[in-house]
Amino acid sequence: MSVMETDDETPPLIGVLVLEALDLVVDPRRERLIPNPDYGGQWTVHAF
């Protein structure tokens, strides 16, 4: 994953790969990020 610095006027953009890596899902109704509901809404860590 890569990080890019932007000016203060540009809103942050988070790509789908980053969201998958963090196990976050977009809740469009409430306009927020939530933990993956497949795991009961709990934060999870996958160790490989």
C-alpha atoms as a PDB file:
ATOM      1  CA  MET A   1       0.000   0.000   0.000  1.00  0.00           C
ATOM      2  CA  SER A   2       1.155   3.517  -0.613  1.00  0.00           C
ATOM      3  CA  VAL A   3       0.513   6.898   0.942  1.00  0.00           C
ATOM      4  CA  MET A   4       0.311  10.215  -0.857  1.00  0.00           C
ATOM      5  CA  GLU A   5       0.352  13.672   0.694  1.00  0.00           C
ATOM      6  CA  THR A   6      -2.156  16.214  -0.647  1.00  0.00           C
ATOM      7  CA  ASP A   7      -3.045  19.793   0.137  1.00  0.00           C
ATOM      8  CA  ASP A   8      -5.505  20.675   2.915  1.00  0.00           C
ATOM      9  CA  GLU A   9      -8.341  21.289   0.446  1.00  0.00           C
ATOM     10  CA  THR A  10      -8.344  17.753  -0.985  1.00  0.00           C
ATOM     11  CA  PRO A  11     -10.524  15.220   0.855  1.00  0.00           C
ATOM     12  CA  PRO A  12      -8.839  11.941   1.816  1.00  0.00           C
ATOM     13  CA  LEU A  13      -9.390   8.966  -0.460  1.00  0.00           C
ATOM     14  CA  ILE A  14      -9.195   5.428   0.897  1.00  0.00           C
ATOM     15  CA  GLY A  15      -9.055   2.665  -1.686  1.00  0.00           C
ATOM     16  CA  VAL A  16     -10.856  -0.642  -1.562  1.00  0.00           C
ATOM     17  CA  LEU A  17      -7.632  -2.605  -0.962  1.00  0.00           C
ATOM     18  CA  VAL A  18      -6.867  -0.580   2.154  1.00  0.00           C
ATOM     19  CA  LEU A  19     -10.430  -1.039   3.417  1.00  0.00           C
ATOM     20  CA  GLU A  20     -10.173  -4.801   2.866  1.00  0.00           C
ATOM     21  CA  ALA A  21      -6.821  -4.937   4.655  1.00  0.00           C
ATOM     22  CA  LEU A  22      -8.321  -3.061   7.618  1.00  0.00           C
ATOM     23  CA  ASP A  23     -11.471  -5.249   7.439  1.00  0.00           C
ATOM     24  CA  LEU A  24     -13.723  -2.179   7.148  1.00  0.00           C
ATOM     25  CA  VAL A  25     -16.966  -1.880   5.199  1.00  0.00           C
ATOM     26  CA  VAL A  26     -18.716   1.265   3.954  1.00  0.00           C
ATOM     27  CA  ASP A  27     -22.138   1.861   5.519  1.00  0.00           C
ATOM     28  CA  PRO A  28     -23.744   4.055   2.822  1.00  0.00           C
ATOM     29  CA  ARG A  29     -26.922   4.675   4.788  1.00  0.00           C
ATOM     30  CA  ARG A  30     -25.062   6.241   7.732  1.00  0.00           C
ATOM     31  CA  GLU A  31     -22.126   7.455   5.606  1.00  0.00           C
ATOM     32  CA  ARG A  32     -19.411   5.895   7.756  1.00  0.00           C
ATOM     33  CA  LEU A  33     -16.957   3.018   7.956  1.00  0.00           C
ATOM     34  CA  ILE A  34     -17.850   0.069  10.166  1.00  0.00           C
ATOM     35  CA  PRO A  35     -16.103  -3.182  11.141  1.00  0.00           C
ATOM     36  CA  ASN A  36     -16.961  -6.065   8.838  1.00  0.00           C
ATOM     37  CA  PRO A  37     -20.446  -7.349   9.837  1.00  0.00           C
ATOM     38  CA  ASP A  38     -19.433 -10.875   8.749  1.00  0.00           C
ATOM     39  CA  TYR A  39     -17.611 -11.049  12.087  1.00  0.00           C
ATOM     40  CA  GLY A  40     -20.443  -9.670  14.215  1.00  0.00           C
ATOM     41  CA  GLY A  41     -19.155  -6.118  13.944  1.00  0.00           C
ATOM     42  CA  GLN A  42     -16.099  -6.991  16.050  1.00  0.00           C
ATOM     43  CA  TRP A  43     -12.571  -5.963  15.121  1.00  0.00           C
ATOM     44  CA  THR A  44     -10.575  -8.929  13.869  1.00  0.00           C
ATOM     45  CA  VAL A  45      -6.938  -9.671  13.182  1.00  0.00           C
ATOM     46  CA  HIS A  46      -5.917 -12.283  10.634  1.00  0.00           C
ATOM     47  CA  ALA A  47      -2.491 -13.819  11.220  1.00  0.00           C
ATOM     48  CA  PHE A  48      -1.040 -15.751   8.312  1.00  0.00           C
END
